Protein backbone atom coordinates (compact mmCIF):
# COMPACT_ATOMS: atom_id res chain seq x y z
CA MET A 1 69.11 39.40 -239.17
CA SER A 2 65.83 40.53 -237.72
CA PRO A 3 65.78 42.57 -234.64
CA THR A 4 64.42 39.69 -232.69
CA ASP A 5 67.13 37.40 -234.03
CA LEU A 6 69.67 40.11 -232.81
CA GLY A 7 68.09 40.02 -229.35
CA THR A 8 68.43 36.24 -229.17
CA LEU A 9 72.09 36.46 -230.22
CA VAL A 10 72.81 38.98 -227.47
CA LEU A 11 71.07 36.43 -225.00
CA VAL A 12 73.18 33.55 -226.42
CA LEU A 13 76.37 35.57 -225.96
CA LEU A 14 75.65 36.53 -222.47
CA ALA A 15 74.78 32.95 -221.61
CA ALA A 16 78.10 31.66 -223.16
CA ALA A 17 79.87 34.57 -221.22
CA VAL A 18 78.16 33.36 -217.81
CA VAL A 19 79.47 29.76 -218.47
CA ALA A 20 82.97 30.86 -219.45
CA GLY A 21 82.90 33.13 -216.33
CA ALA A 22 81.92 29.92 -214.15
CA TRP A 23 84.65 28.08 -215.62
CA GLY A 24 86.96 31.07 -214.69
CA TRP A 25 86.77 30.14 -211.12
CA THR A 26 88.82 26.87 -211.82
CA ARG A 27 92.58 26.57 -211.28
CA ALA A 28 93.69 27.74 -214.72
CA GLY A 29 90.50 29.28 -215.44
CA ALA A 30 91.48 33.02 -214.98
CA TRP A 31 94.11 32.66 -217.61
CA ILE A 32 91.85 30.88 -220.10
CA TRP A 33 88.33 31.66 -219.46
CA ALA A 34 88.51 35.26 -218.20
CA PRO A 35 89.49 36.74 -221.67
CA VAL A 36 86.81 34.44 -223.50
CA THR A 37 84.44 35.85 -220.84
CA ALA A 38 85.43 39.53 -221.74
CA VAL A 39 85.23 38.85 -225.36
CA ALA A 40 81.77 37.31 -225.25
CA LEU A 41 80.62 40.31 -223.23
CA ALA A 42 82.17 42.72 -225.73
CA ALA A 43 80.50 40.87 -228.52
CA ALA A 44 77.09 41.10 -226.81
CA ALA A 45 77.70 44.92 -226.19
CA VAL A 46 78.49 45.39 -230.02
CA VAL A 47 75.40 43.44 -231.23
CA ALA A 48 73.11 45.40 -228.78
CA ALA A 49 74.79 48.87 -229.64
CA VAL A 50 75.44 48.73 -233.40
CA PRO A 51 72.24 47.91 -235.21
CA ASP A 52 69.41 50.35 -235.53
CA ARG A 53 67.06 48.10 -233.72
CA VAL A 54 67.49 45.07 -231.50
CA ASP A 55 64.24 43.40 -230.02
CA LEU A 56 63.67 41.17 -227.03
CA ASP A 57 60.11 39.74 -227.53
CA GLY A 58 58.18 39.83 -224.27
CA ARG A 59 58.87 40.37 -220.70
CA ALA A 60 60.30 36.91 -220.20
CA LEU A 61 63.21 37.59 -222.51
CA VAL A 62 63.67 40.81 -220.86
CA ALA A 63 63.90 39.10 -217.39
CA LEU A 64 66.29 36.59 -218.85
CA LEU A 65 68.56 39.51 -220.03
CA VAL A 66 68.59 40.95 -216.81
CA VAL A 67 69.18 37.64 -215.05
CA LEU A 68 72.12 36.69 -217.50
CA ALA A 69 73.78 39.97 -217.18
CA GLY A 70 73.44 40.24 -213.62
CA THR A 71 74.99 36.73 -213.17
CA LEU A 72 77.75 37.62 -215.52
CA ALA A 73 78.39 40.74 -213.36
CA VAL A 74 78.92 38.70 -210.21
CA VAL A 75 80.41 35.48 -211.56
CA GLY A 76 82.45 36.80 -214.27
CA GLY A 77 83.95 39.64 -212.63
CA GLY A 78 85.89 37.62 -210.15
CA PRO A 79 88.09 35.64 -212.67
CA VAL A 80 88.62 38.92 -214.74
CA THR A 81 89.74 40.67 -211.70
CA THR A 82 92.01 37.75 -210.83
CA ARG A 83 93.41 37.87 -214.29
CA VAL A 84 94.14 41.67 -213.89
CA PHE A 85 95.92 40.92 -210.65
CA ASP A 86 98.09 38.17 -212.39
CA LEU A 87 98.98 40.61 -215.08
CA VAL A 88 100.01 43.24 -212.50
CA ASP A 89 101.87 40.72 -210.36
CA GLY A 90 103.92 39.51 -213.62
CA GLN A 91 105.84 42.79 -213.19
CA GLU A 92 109.16 42.83 -211.60
CA HIS A 93 109.33 43.06 -207.78
CA THR A 94 112.06 43.99 -205.38
CA ARG A 95 110.88 41.59 -202.55
CA PRO A 96 109.09 38.42 -202.52
CA ASP A 97 106.33 39.77 -200.24
CA ASP A 98 105.91 42.74 -202.64
CA THR A 99 103.18 41.18 -204.66
CA LEU A 100 99.51 41.89 -204.85
CA ASP A 101 98.87 38.23 -203.80
CA HIS A 102 100.60 38.71 -200.55
CA ALA A 103 98.65 42.01 -200.16
CA GLY A 104 95.48 39.97 -200.70
CA GLU A 105 96.23 38.19 -197.29
CA VAL A 106 95.61 41.40 -195.55
CA LEU A 107 92.37 42.28 -197.51
CA ARG A 108 90.60 38.96 -196.36
CA GLY A 109 87.24 38.28 -197.86
CA GLY A 110 88.11 40.33 -201.25
CA ALA A 111 86.22 37.76 -203.52
CA TRP A 112 83.14 37.88 -201.44
CA ILE A 113 83.10 41.82 -201.16
CA GLY A 114 83.81 42.05 -204.65
CA ALA A 115 80.89 39.81 -205.77
CA LEU A 116 78.58 41.89 -203.53
CA GLU A 117 80.05 45.08 -204.87
CA ARG A 118 79.47 44.05 -208.50
CA ALA A 119 75.95 42.97 -207.79
CA ALA A 120 75.01 46.29 -206.12
CA VAL A 121 76.80 48.35 -208.93
CA PHE A 122 75.08 46.24 -211.52
CA ALA A 123 71.77 46.70 -209.97
CA SER A 124 72.02 50.47 -209.58
CA LEU A 125 73.26 50.99 -212.93
CA ALA A 126 70.66 48.58 -214.63
CA VAL A 127 67.77 50.42 -212.98
CA GLY A 128 69.16 53.96 -213.94
CA GLN A 129 70.31 54.99 -210.51
CA PRO A 130 74.04 55.78 -210.81
CA GLU A 131 74.07 57.26 -207.27
CA GLY A 132 74.18 53.80 -205.90
CA VAL A 133 77.59 53.43 -207.33
CA ALA A 134 78.88 56.23 -204.95
CA ILE A 135 77.27 54.57 -201.96
CA VAL A 136 78.80 51.20 -202.72
CA LEU A 137 82.26 52.72 -203.20
CA ALA A 138 81.97 54.83 -200.08
CA LEU A 139 80.80 51.69 -197.84
CA LYS A 140 83.65 49.86 -199.34
CA GLY A 141 86.31 52.45 -198.85
CA LEU A 142 84.97 53.11 -195.19
CA GLY A 143 85.09 49.47 -194.47
CA ARG A 144 88.61 48.91 -195.70
CA TYR A 145 90.00 51.97 -194.18
CA PRO A 146 91.42 50.58 -191.14
CA GLU A 147 93.40 47.79 -193.07
CA LEU A 148 94.74 50.31 -195.65
CA ARG A 149 95.40 53.11 -193.16
CA ASN A 150 98.33 50.87 -191.46
CA GLY A 151 100.26 50.46 -194.67
CA GLU A 152 102.08 47.66 -193.15
CA VAL A 153 101.85 45.18 -196.22
CA ALA A 154 103.13 46.87 -199.55
CA GLY A 155 100.62 46.63 -202.28
CA ALA A 156 97.44 46.43 -200.22
CA ALA A 157 96.07 49.89 -201.15
CA GLU A 158 97.02 49.13 -204.88
CA ARG A 159 95.39 45.89 -204.63
CA PHE A 160 92.21 47.50 -203.30
CA ILE A 161 92.30 50.17 -206.06
CA ILE A 162 92.87 47.83 -208.84
CA GLY A 163 90.33 45.39 -207.73
CA THR A 164 87.72 48.02 -207.30
CA PHE A 165 88.33 49.65 -210.65
CA THR A 166 88.13 46.23 -212.31
CA SER A 167 84.98 45.18 -210.44
CA VAL A 168 83.14 48.46 -211.14
CA LEU A 169 84.02 48.44 -214.67
CA TRP A 170 83.03 44.99 -215.31
CA ALA A 171 79.82 45.46 -213.57
CA ALA A 172 79.22 48.77 -215.48
CA ALA A 173 79.78 46.98 -218.73
CA CYS A 174 77.19 44.33 -217.88
CA ALA A 175 74.59 46.84 -216.89
CA GLY A 176 75.50 48.68 -220.07
CA VAL A 177 74.27 45.81 -222.16
CA VAL A 178 70.89 45.83 -220.25
CA ARG A 179 70.51 49.54 -220.72
CA LEU A 180 71.15 49.36 -224.46
CA LEU A 181 68.14 47.05 -224.82
CA VAL A 182 65.66 48.00 -222.19
């Protein structure tokens, strides 16, 4: 394959991941489409990283790469994070209210905050300013501190940490594909 064909393949894989990530927001989507989204992102990363040369012909394709990867960071990260929460909640619990799902009732707005967090982390890493990640995490931590400090609901702090790590790693992976090609 030519370097230009490899660049096109990365774009196709990212587009497929965006579609799978969007389907991940459906009722059963986190179980079915979140893994598909992750595999498509991993495949795009491998295609971008392994060959000696991968080209995107022109500014329009570079812009498309950034838009697809940024959209994937925001849209695909929600179902992936939900899938991680489901895996953690699948463990044995001593009380019915000791689930991460129940803790999510305390941390309202988590999906919106997570989407904004992933967008900010992606943007800061894609433009080569990793300091932005520290600012995002500091703001998120300070904003959630009052809810986490009380400790009234078991699992709230764990949900915060797991969700934050999953979101940041997802956004970083999406930004990594951009950094490999730009």
